[in-house]
N, C-alpha and C. Protein backbone atom coordinates (compact mmCIF):
# COMPACT_ATOMS: atom_id res chain seq x y z
N MET A 1 47.74 -30.59 16.86
CA MET A 1 48.88 -30.98 16.68
C MET A 1 50.10 -29.66 16.50
N GLY A 2 49.89 -28.69 16.01
CA GLY A 2 51.13 -27.95 15.81
C GLY A 2 50.66 -26.01 15.25
N MET A 3 51.25 -24.95 15.26
CA MET A 3 50.74 -23.93 14.65
C MET A 3 52.53 -23.27 14.51
N GLN A 4 52.30 -22.45 13.13
CA GLN A 4 53.54 -22.10 13.48
C GLN A 4 53.05 -20.59 12.61
N TYR A 5 54.13 -19.57 12.41
CA TYR A 5 53.82 -18.53 11.80
C TYR A 5 55.11 -17.78 11.10
N ARG A 6 55.10 -16.39 9.85
CA ARG A 6 56.38 -16.54 9.87
C ARG A 6 55.60 -15.18 9.40
N ILE A 7 56.80 -14.25 9.53
CA ILE A 7 56.54 -12.46 9.33
C ILE A 7 56.71 -12.56 7.91
N ASP A 8 55.43 -11.89 7.12
CA ASP A 8 56.25 -10.76 5.88
C ASP A 8 56.34 -9.65 5.63
N PRO A 9 57.68 -8.56 6.20
CA PRO A 9 58.08 -7.20 6.46
C PRO A 9 57.75 -6.64 5.06
N ASN A 10 57.37 -7.12 3.93
CA ASN A 10 57.02 -6.80 2.81
C ASN A 10 55.60 -5.88 2.75
N ARG A 11 54.79 -7.49 2.93
CA ARG A 11 53.45 -6.91 2.76
C ARG A 11 52.81 -6.62 4.25
N ARG A 12 53.64 -6.40 4.99
CA ARG A 12 53.36 -5.92 6.83
C ARG A 12 52.29 -6.85 6.94
N LEU A 13 52.70 -8.01 7.36
CA LEU A 13 51.48 -9.49 7.39
C LEU A 13 52.75 -10.71 8.41
N VAL A 14 51.45 -10.89 9.17
CA VAL A 14 51.94 -12.38 10.07
C VAL A 14 51.02 -13.69 9.13
N LEU A 15 51.65 -14.15 8.90
CA LEU A 15 51.30 -15.28 7.95
C LEU A 15 51.37 -17.02 9.05
N ALA A 16 49.65 -17.24 9.57
CA ALA A 16 49.98 -18.32 10.41
C ALA A 16 49.07 -18.98 10.18
N ARG A 17 49.46 -20.89 10.37
CA ARG A 17 48.79 -21.81 9.84
C ARG A 17 49.17 -22.83 10.98
N GLY A 18 47.79 -23.72 11.32
CA GLY A 18 47.25 -24.40 12.13
C GLY A 18 47.01 -25.57 11.33
N TRP A 19 47.50 -26.82 11.98
CA TRP A 19 46.74 -28.36 11.66
C TRP A 19 46.60 -29.27 12.57
N GLY A 20 45.77 -29.95 12.33
CA GLY A 20 45.76 -31.31 13.54
C GLY A 20 44.68 -30.76 14.05
N VAL A 21 45.49 -31.10 15.46
CA VAL A 21 44.29 -31.02 16.68
C VAL A 21 45.06 -29.75 17.08
N ILE A 22 44.60 -28.72 17.53
CA ILE A 22 45.31 -27.96 18.34
C ILE A 22 44.40 -27.51 19.46
N SER A 23 45.75 -27.33 20.46
CA SER A 23 45.45 -27.57 22.10
C SER A 23 45.75 -26.05 22.51
N THR A 24 45.14 -26.15 23.63
CA THR A 24 45.42 -25.41 24.70
C THR A 24 47.52 -24.73 24.80
N ARG A 25 48.02 -25.84 24.57
CA ARG A 25 49.30 -25.70 24.56
C ARG A 25 50.17 -24.98 23.33
N ASP A 26 49.23 -25.61 22.81
CA ASP A 26 49.92 -25.31 20.64
C ASP A 26 49.33 -23.70 20.74
N LEU A 27 47.99 -23.78 21.64
CA LEU A 27 47.79 -22.00 21.50
C LEU A 27 48.79 -21.20 21.68
N GLN A 28 49.20 -21.94 23.37
CA GLN A 28 49.83 -20.23 24.27
C GLN A 28 51.29 -20.81 23.62
N ASP A 29 51.51 -21.71 23.21
CA ASP A 29 53.30 -21.67 22.52
C ASP A 29 53.11 -20.76 21.30
N PHE A 30 52.53 -20.87 20.68
CA PHE A 30 52.26 -19.84 19.22
C PHE A 30 52.18 -18.59 19.80
N THR A 31 51.57 -18.03 21.02
CA THR A 31 51.41 -16.95 21.33
C THR A 31 52.66 -16.39 21.72
N SER A 32 53.01 -16.93 22.57
CA SER A 32 54.34 -16.51 23.81
C SER A 32 55.55 -16.46 22.40
N GLN A 33 55.54 -17.51 21.19
CA GLN A 33 56.72 -17.41 20.32
C GLN A 33 56.84 -16.03 19.52
N LEU A 34 55.58 -15.67 19.08
CA LEU A 34 54.86 -14.68 18.36
C LEU A 34 55.29 -13.60 19.15
N HIS A 35 54.82 -12.97 20.65
CA HIS A 35 55.16 -12.04 21.34
C HIS A 35 57.16 -11.81 21.45
N ALA A 36 57.80 -12.68 21.58
CA ALA A 36 59.46 -13.12 21.42
C ALA A 36 59.40 -12.51 20.92
N ASP A 37 59.26 -12.85 19.87
CA ASP A 37 60.05 -12.67 18.26
C ASP A 37 59.80 -11.16 17.64
N LEU A 38 61.53 -10.85 17.96
CA LEU A 38 61.72 -8.88 17.72
C LEU A 38 61.61 -8.67 16.23
N ARG A 39 61.20 -9.58 15.10
CA ARG A 39 60.25 -8.83 13.70
C ARG A 39 59.05 -8.32 14.43
N PHE A 40 57.93 -9.10 15.09
CA PHE A 40 56.67 -8.93 15.40
C PHE A 40 56.55 -7.82 15.39
N ASP A 41 55.48 -7.03 15.01
CA ASP A 41 55.42 -5.46 15.41
C ASP A 41 53.43 -5.31 15.36
N PRO A 42 52.88 -4.97 16.52
CA PRO A 42 51.33 -5.08 17.15
C PRO A 42 50.79 -4.46 16.22
N ASP A 43 51.10 -3.57 14.86
CA ASP A 43 50.52 -3.21 13.78
C ASP A 43 50.66 -3.75 12.95
N LEU A 44 51.28 -5.12 12.74
CA LEU A 44 51.30 -5.70 11.20
C LEU A 44 49.53 -6.46 11.65
N ARG A 45 49.08 -6.54 10.63
CA ARG A 45 48.18 -7.63 10.30
C ARG A 45 47.87 -8.93 10.42
N SER A 46 47.28 -9.91 9.97
CA SER A 46 47.53 -11.15 10.32
C SER A 46 46.40 -11.84 9.60
N LEU A 47 47.09 -13.01 9.12
CA LEU A 47 46.04 -13.67 7.94
C LEU A 47 46.61 -15.12 9.12
N THR A 48 45.67 -15.94 9.39
CA THR A 48 45.83 -17.19 10.03
C THR A 48 44.71 -18.73 9.51
N ASP A 49 45.39 -19.09 9.17
CA ASP A 49 45.03 -20.20 8.33
C ASP A 49 44.86 -21.88 8.88
N LEU A 50 43.71 -21.86 9.26
CA LEU A 50 43.10 -23.21 9.85
C LEU A 50 42.31 -24.19 9.45
N ARG A 51 42.68 -23.98 7.99
CA ARG A 51 42.33 -25.26 7.12
C ARG A 51 42.64 -26.56 7.20
N ASP A 52 43.61 -26.79 7.57
CA ASP A 52 44.33 -28.00 7.92
C ASP A 52 43.62 -28.20 9.45
N VAL A 53 43.42 -28.13 10.62
CA VAL A 53 42.88 -28.06 11.68
C VAL A 53 41.38 -29.35 11.56
N THR A 54 41.73 -30.35 12.39
CA THR A 54 40.64 -30.92 12.35
C THR A 54 40.04 -31.37 14.05
N ASP A 55 40.52 -30.64 14.69
CA ASP A 55 39.75 -30.95 15.83
C ASP A 55 40.78 -29.71 16.55
N VAL A 56 39.78 -29.46 18.01
CA VAL A 56 40.40 -28.04 18.75
C VAL A 56 40.22 -28.34 19.96
N THR A 57 41.05 -28.52 21.42
CA THR A 57 40.78 -28.99 22.43
C THR A 57 40.89 -28.02 23.24
N VAL A 58 40.68 -26.59 22.90
CA VAL A 58 40.77 -25.50 23.70
C VAL A 58 39.43 -25.19 24.69
N THR A 59 39.62 -24.97 25.49
CA THR A 59 38.06 -24.87 25.78
C THR A 59 37.69 -22.99 26.35
N GLU A 60 36.54 -22.77 26.01
CA GLU A 60 35.85 -21.33 25.83
C GLU A 60 36.78 -20.33 26.75
N ARG A 61 36.83 -21.12 27.81
CA ARG A 61 37.78 -19.90 28.93
C ARG A 61 39.59 -19.98 28.38
N GLU A 62 40.03 -20.89 28.09
CA GLU A 62 41.42 -20.69 27.67
C GLU A 62 41.59 -19.19 26.45
N LEU A 63 40.05 -19.45 25.50
CA LEU A 63 39.93 -19.24 24.14
C LEU A 63 40.20 -17.66 24.07
N ARG A 64 39.14 -17.62 25.55
CA ARG A 64 38.96 -16.03 25.95
C ARG A 64 40.55 -15.56 26.47
N ALA A 65 41.10 -16.24 27.39
CA ALA A 65 42.20 -15.32 27.57
C ALA A 65 43.11 -15.19 27.53
N THR A 66 42.98 -16.20 25.81
CA THR A 66 44.04 -15.43 24.79
C THR A 66 44.05 -14.66 23.81
N ALA A 67 42.21 -14.48 23.74
CA ALA A 67 42.15 -13.18 23.05
C ALA A 67 41.96 -12.30 23.65
N TRP A 68 42.13 -12.04 25.19
CA TRP A 68 42.05 -10.89 26.16
C TRP A 68 43.71 -10.20 26.00
N MET A 69 44.75 -10.82 25.57
CA MET A 69 46.09 -10.37 25.46
C MET A 69 46.22 -9.78 24.91
N PRO A 70 46.79 -8.89 24.86
CA PRO A 70 47.39 -7.16 24.41
C PRO A 70 48.19 -7.22 23.25
N LEU A 71 48.60 -8.60 22.22
CA LEU A 71 49.34 -8.92 21.65
C LEU A 71 49.49 -7.98 20.08
N TYR A 72 48.43 -7.67 19.89
CA TYR A 72 47.97 -6.72 18.60
C TYR A 72 47.43 -5.00 18.98
N SER A 73 48.18 -4.50 18.09
CA SER A 73 47.67 -3.06 18.67
C SER A 73 45.99 -2.89 18.50
N ALA A 74 45.09 -2.27 18.42
CA ALA A 74 43.67 -2.01 18.21
C ALA A 74 43.21 -1.69 17.11
N GLY A 75 42.59 -2.10 16.55
CA GLY A 75 42.20 -1.93 15.31
C GLY A 75 42.62 -2.44 13.83
N VAL A 76 43.74 -3.28 14.12
CA VAL A 76 44.55 -3.69 13.63
C VAL A 76 43.88 -5.32 13.06
N ARG A 77 43.80 -5.37 11.58
CA ARG A 77 42.93 -6.51 10.85
C ARG A 77 43.72 -7.67 10.96
N ARG A 78 42.83 -8.50 11.60
CA ARG A 78 43.15 -9.89 11.34
C ARG A 78 42.46 -11.08 10.90
N ALA A 79 42.73 -12.02 10.08
CA ALA A 79 41.55 -12.20 9.38
C ALA A 79 41.80 -13.79 9.28
N ILE A 80 40.97 -14.88 9.88
CA ILE A 80 41.33 -16.30 10.38
C ILE A 80 40.41 -17.11 9.21
N VAL A 81 40.79 -17.68 8.72
CA VAL A 81 40.23 -18.99 7.61
C VAL A 81 40.26 -19.98 8.18
N ALA A 82 38.71 -20.39 8.32
CA ALA A 82 38.55 -22.20 9.23
C ALA A 82 38.00 -22.95 7.95
N SER A 83 37.79 -23.90 7.87
CA SER A 83 37.01 -24.60 6.83
C SER A 83 35.92 -25.71 7.92
N SER A 84 36.62 -26.47 8.80
CA SER A 84 35.87 -27.10 9.84
C SER A 84 34.97 -26.56 10.35
N ASP A 85 33.96 -27.35 10.98
CA ASP A 85 32.59 -26.03 11.94
C ASP A 85 33.39 -25.91 12.85
N ILE A 86 33.84 -26.99 13.70
CA ILE A 86 34.93 -26.64 14.33
C ILE A 86 36.00 -25.70 14.88
N ALA A 87 36.60 -25.23 14.03
CA ALA A 87 37.26 -24.38 13.80
C ALA A 87 36.95 -23.32 13.88
N TYR A 88 36.02 -22.97 12.95
CA TYR A 88 35.05 -21.86 12.58
C TYR A 88 34.09 -21.19 13.71
N GLY A 89 33.55 -21.93 14.23
CA GLY A 89 33.25 -21.87 15.91
C GLY A 89 34.17 -20.99 16.82
N LEU A 90 34.95 -21.77 16.77
CA LEU A 90 35.38 -21.49 17.72
C LEU A 90 36.91 -20.47 17.43
N SER A 91 36.67 -20.05 16.30
CA SER A 91 37.51 -18.68 15.66
C SER A 91 36.15 -17.72 15.86
N ARG A 92 35.28 -17.90 15.45
CA ARG A 92 34.47 -16.98 15.81
C ARG A 92 34.27 -16.37 17.37
N MET A 93 34.22 -17.33 18.20
CA MET A 93 33.92 -17.07 19.85
C MET A 93 35.63 -16.04 20.18
N TYR A 94 36.33 -16.25 19.45
CA TYR A 94 37.57 -15.75 19.57
C TYR A 94 37.67 -14.31 19.09
N ALA A 95 37.00 -14.04 17.90
CA ALA A 95 36.90 -12.80 17.23
C ALA A 95 35.87 -12.30 18.39
N GLN A 96 34.61 -12.62 19.20
CA GLN A 96 33.87 -11.62 19.57
C GLN A 96 35.14 -11.52 20.59
N HIS A 97 35.73 -12.18 21.36
CA HIS A 97 36.12 -11.86 22.73
C HIS A 97 37.20 -10.90 22.89
N ALA A 98 37.91 -11.13 21.85
CA ALA A 98 39.17 -9.77 20.56
C ALA A 98 38.09 -8.58 20.80
N LYS A 99 36.78 -8.92 20.11
CA LYS A 99 36.67 -7.45 20.13
C LYS A 99 35.92 -6.60 21.43
N ARG A 100 36.00 -7.30 22.09
CA ARG A 100 36.23 -6.54 23.78
C ARG A 100 37.17 -5.60 24.06
N PHE A 101 38.34 -6.35 23.16
CA PHE A 101 39.57 -5.04 23.61
C PHE A 101 40.22 -4.36 22.76
N GLY A 102 39.22 -4.13 21.76
CA GLY A 102 39.51 -3.28 20.53
C GLY A 102 40.34 -4.10 19.34
N GLY A 103 40.37 -5.66 19.47
CA GLY A 103 40.37 -5.75 18.48
C GLY A 103 39.75 -6.35 17.26
N ASN A 104 40.38 -6.25 15.84
CA ASN A 104 39.23 -6.60 14.78
C ASN A 104 39.40 -7.86 14.16
N VAL A 105 39.01 -8.95 14.52
CA VAL A 105 39.19 -10.31 14.53
C VAL A 105 38.07 -10.36 13.01
N ARG A 106 38.23 -11.03 11.79
CA ARG A 106 37.17 -11.91 11.17
C ARG A 106 37.65 -12.94 10.83
N VAL A 107 36.39 -14.07 10.70
CA VAL A 107 36.94 -15.25 10.38
C VAL A 107 36.24 -15.19 9.22
N PHE A 108 36.57 -16.40 8.33
CA PHE A 108 36.17 -16.82 6.56
C PHE A 108 36.16 -17.88 6.55
N ARG A 109 35.46 -18.57 5.58
CA ARG A 109 36.02 -19.44 4.97
C ARG A 109 36.37 -20.16 3.84
N THR A 110 37.02 -19.19 3.00
CA THR A 110 37.84 -19.07 2.15
C THR A 110 39.01 -18.25 2.02
N MET A 111 40.15 -18.44 1.76
CA MET A 111 41.43 -17.66 1.69
C MET A 111 40.92 -16.23 0.48
N GLU A 112 40.43 -16.32 -0.45
CA GLU A 112 40.43 -15.28 -0.83
C GLU A 112 39.62 -14.24 0.05
N GLU A 113 38.20 -14.63 0.53
CA GLU A 113 37.89 -13.71 1.40
C GLU A 113 38.30 -12.84 1.72
N ALA A 114 39.45 -14.06 2.76
CA ALA A 114 40.12 -13.15 3.73
C ALA A 114 41.07 -12.33 3.44
N GLU A 115 41.80 -12.62 2.05
CA GLU A 115 43.26 -11.78 1.47
C GLU A 115 42.28 -10.82 1.19
N ALA A 116 40.68 -10.55 0.58
CA ALA A 116 41.08 -9.55 -0.15
C ALA A 116 40.04 -8.44 1.41
N TRP A 117 39.30 -8.89 2.41
CA TRP A 117 39.22 -8.08 3.37
C TRP A 117 40.29 -7.52 3.97
N LEU A 118 41.89 -8.33 4.14
CA LEU A 118 43.08 -7.65 4.48
C LEU A 118 43.88 -6.85 3.49
N GLU A 119 43.00 -6.82 2.48
CA GLU A 119 44.10 -6.21 0.89
C GLU A 119 45.15 -7.08 0.94
N VAL A 120 45.43 -7.59 0.78
CA VAL A 120 47.06 -8.68 0.19
C VAL A 120 47.23 -8.65 -1.02
């Protein structure tokens, strides 16, 4: 259904949110928009909220391709919060793929855990 983001320059944080059914097109559009945003800095931490995602129609191959795109700097902390099993499982796959290219992505079930790890 969709994804959106906002950049919080004071906390040096990208706050993203997904809802409904997330498709490959949603993921590609989101990544392209963030990459083109002049306010985006690859050293910003990231907090992605997928608690309102009901399903994900992204294939493992498409997920891997997205994870391997060099959007963020290596080692930058990125947290994903996913409450549904499908979003949680695919987010964990994404995190494993991103790790191969220096990504520091962790997946959590609660916002409090993610915020604590990000130190926000």
